[in-house]
Amino acid sequence: MDIIAGGLANLTGILFLALAAITVAKAFQIAGTLSEIKELLADIKRNTNSDAPATAQFASTESAENLLRAVSAELDHPVPDAIEHNAKR
């Protein structure tokens, strides 16, 4: 029985060390991937036109609906009627 207990203790130790090594390797892999993402984002930031507007701003819901209708008319898609946002249920 002492031989089996000793073998299991050695196996547990080896598995623990292997798990620790895999964890460290995975951490380095994640760090490398994050570095690549950081470089790509910096490259994208350098190559983007800073004069372009970030988002479209609409003065009202009506102007957004008109834009949607114009685009849908070009694509031959039906547009549902306007939804009343303050309608009582």
C-alpha atoms as a PDB file:
ATOM      1  CA  MET A   1       0.000   0.000   0.000  1.00  0.00           C
ATOM      2  CA  ASP A   2       2.872   2.364   0.663  1.00  0.00           C
ATOM      3  CA  ILE A   3       4.032   1.958  -2.945  1.00  0.00           C
ATOM      4  CA  ILE A   4       0.598   2.909  -4.309  1.00  0.00           C
ATOM      5  CA  ALA A   5       0.324   5.923  -1.983  1.00  0.00           C
ATOM      6  CA  GLY A   6       3.811   7.093  -2.968  1.00  0.00           C
ATOM      7  CA  GLY A   7       3.017   6.650  -6.663  1.00  0.00           C
ATOM      8  CA  LEU A   8      -0.195   8.632  -6.327  1.00  0.00           C
ATOM      9  CA  ALA A   9       1.635  11.396  -4.461  1.00  0.00           C
ATOM     10  CA  ASN A  10       4.279  11.586  -7.204  1.00  0.00           C
ATOM     11  CA  LEU A  11       1.587  11.566  -9.913  1.00  0.00           C
ATOM     12  CA  THR A  12      -0.294  14.364  -8.122  1.00  0.00           C
ATOM     13  CA  GLY A  13       2.894  16.419  -7.879  1.00  0.00           C
ATOM     14  CA  ILE A  14       3.696  15.933 -11.547  1.00  0.00           C
ATOM     15  CA  LEU A  15       0.133  16.881 -12.558  1.00  0.00           C
ATOM     16  CA  PHE A  16       0.287  19.981 -10.354  1.00  0.00           C
ATOM     17  CA  LEU A  17       3.560  21.109 -11.940  1.00  0.00           C
ATOM     18  CA  ALA A  18       2.214  20.412 -15.430  1.00  0.00           C
ATOM     19  CA  LEU A  19      -0.899  22.456 -14.646  1.00  0.00           C
ATOM     20  CA  ALA A  20       1.246  25.328 -13.347  1.00  0.00           C
ATOM     21  CA  ALA A  21       3.413  25.227 -16.491  1.00  0.00           C
ATOM     22  CA  ILE A  22       0.344  25.231 -18.739  1.00  0.00           C
ATOM     23  CA  THR A  23      -1.095  28.193 -16.817  1.00  0.00           C
ATOM     24  CA  VAL A  24       2.106  30.208 -17.214  1.00  0.00           C
ATOM     25  CA  ALA A  25       2.301  29.353 -20.934  1.00  0.00           C
ATOM     26  CA  LYS A  26      -1.322  30.398 -21.437  1.00  0.00           C
ATOM     27  CA  ALA A  27      -0.696  33.680 -19.603  1.00  0.00           C
ATOM     28  CA  PHE A  28       2.207  34.472 -21.951  1.00  0.00           C
ATOM     29  CA  GLN A  29       0.040  33.561 -24.942  1.00  0.00           C
ATOM     30  CA  ILE A  30      -2.719  35.922 -23.752  1.00  0.00           C
ATOM     31  CA  ALA A  31      -0.173  38.686 -23.159  1.00  0.00           C
ATOM     32  CA  GLY A  32       1.171  38.261 -26.694  1.00  0.00           C
ATOM     33  CA  THR A  33      -2.313  38.373 -28.178  1.00  0.00           C
ATOM     34  CA  LEU A  34      -3.153  41.516 -26.203  1.00  0.00           C
ATOM     35  CA  SER A  35       0.050  43.144 -27.453  1.00  0.00           C
ATOM     36  CA  GLU A  36      -0.904  42.350 -31.044  1.00  0.00           C
ATOM     37  CA  ILE A  37      -4.393  43.776 -30.514  1.00  0.00           C
ATOM     38  CA  LYS A  38      -2.882  46.928 -28.981  1.00  0.00           C
ATOM     39  CA  GLU A  39      -0.591  47.364 -31.997  1.00  0.00           C
ATOM     40  CA  LEU A  40      -3.483  46.843 -34.417  1.00  0.00           C
ATOM     41  CA  LEU A  41      -5.637  49.394 -32.606  1.00  0.00           C
ATOM     42  CA  ALA A  42      -2.790  51.915 -32.629  1.00  0.00           C
ATOM     43  CA  ASP A  43      -2.312  51.289 -36.352  1.00  0.00           C
ATOM     44  CA  ILE A  44      -6.011  51.750 -37.013  1.00  0.00           C
ATOM     45  CA  LYS A  45      -5.999  54.961 -34.975  1.00  0.00           C
ATOM     46  CA  ARG A  46      -3.055  56.307 -36.993  1.00  0.00           C
ATOM     47  CA  ASN A  47      -4.701  55.485 -40.318  1.00  0.00           C
ATOM     48  CA  THR A  48      -8.182  56.823 -39.571  1.00  0.00           C
ATOM     49  CA  ASN A  49      -9.369  60.170 -40.767  1.00  0.00           C
ATOM     50  CA  SER A  50      -9.926  62.287 -37.655  1.00  0.00           C
ATOM     51  CA  ASP A  51     -12.032  64.809 -39.650  1.00  0.00           C
ATOM     52  CA  ALA A  52     -14.815  62.282 -40.237  1.00  0.00           C
ATOM     53  CA  PRO A  53     -17.776  62.471 -37.861  1.00  0.00           C
ATOM     54  CA  ALA A  54     -17.864  59.666 -35.306  1.00  0.00           C
ATOM     55  CA  THR A  55     -21.632  59.142 -35.305  1.00  0.00           C
ATOM     56  CA  ALA A  56     -24.646  60.434 -37.149  1.00  0.00           C
ATOM     57  CA  GLN A  57     -26.661  62.897 -35.104  1.00  0.00           C
ATOM     58  CA  PHE A  58     -30.310  63.504 -35.937  1.00  0.00           C
ATOM     59  CA  ALA A  59     -32.197  66.606 -34.928  1.00  0.00           C
ATOM     60  CA  SER A  60     -35.352  64.626 -34.338  1.00  0.00           C
ATOM     61  CA  THR A  61     -36.876  61.191 -34.672  1.00  0.00           C
ATOM     62  CA  GLU A  62     -38.676  62.416 -37.772  1.00  0.00           C
ATOM     63  CA  SER A  63     -35.435  63.115 -39.651  1.00  0.00           C
ATOM     64  CA  ALA A  64     -34.179  59.623 -38.811  1.00  0.00           C
ATOM     65  CA  GLU A  65     -37.453  58.120 -40.042  1.00  0.00           C
ATOM     66  CA  ASN A  66     -37.213  60.124 -43.279  1.00  0.00           C
ATOM     67  CA  LEU A  67     -33.688  58.836 -43.833  1.00  0.00           C
ATOM     68  CA  LEU A  68     -34.852  55.278 -43.204  1.00  0.00           C
ATOM     69  CA  ARG A  69     -37.718  55.704 -45.683  1.00  0.00           C
ATOM     70  CA  ALA A  70     -35.362  57.115 -48.335  1.00  0.00           C
ATOM     71  CA  VAL A  71     -32.941  54.233 -47.968  1.00  0.00           C
ATOM     72  CA  SER A  72     -35.753  51.678 -47.938  1.00  0.00           C
ATOM     73  CA  ALA A  73     -37.264  53.205 -51.093  1.00  0.00           C
ATOM     74  CA  GLU A  74     -33.973  52.668 -52.892  1.00  0.00           C
ATOM     75  CA  LEU A  75     -33.826  49.052 -51.728  1.00  0.00           C
ATOM     76  CA  ASP A  76     -37.528  48.305 -52.379  1.00  0.00           C
ATOM     77  CA  HIS A  77     -38.112  47.295 -48.758  1.00  0.00           C
ATOM     78  CA  PRO A  78     -41.355  48.206 -47.009  1.00  0.00           C
ATOM     79  CA  VAL A  79     -41.045  50.514 -44.013  1.00  0.00           C
ATOM     80  CA  PRO A  80     -43.553  50.153 -41.165  1.00  0.00           C
ATOM     81  CA  ASP A  81     -45.546  53.171 -40.029  1.00  0.00           C
ATOM     82  CA  ALA A  82     -44.154  55.375 -37.293  1.00  0.00           C
ATOM     83  CA  ILE A  83     -44.448  53.964 -33.786  1.00  0.00           C
ATOM     84  CA  GLU A  84     -46.016  56.150 -31.152  1.00  0.00           C
ATOM     85  CA  HIS A  85     -43.517  56.197 -28.295  1.00  0.00           C
ATOM     86  CA  ASN A  86     -45.849  57.830 -25.777  1.00  0.00           C
ATOM     87  CA  ALA A  87     -48.938  55.759 -26.585  1.00  0.00           C
ATOM     88  CA  LYS A  88     -50.895  54.468 -23.595  1.00  0.00           C
ATOM     89  CA  ARG A  89     -51.056  50.700 -23.273  1.00  0.00           C
END
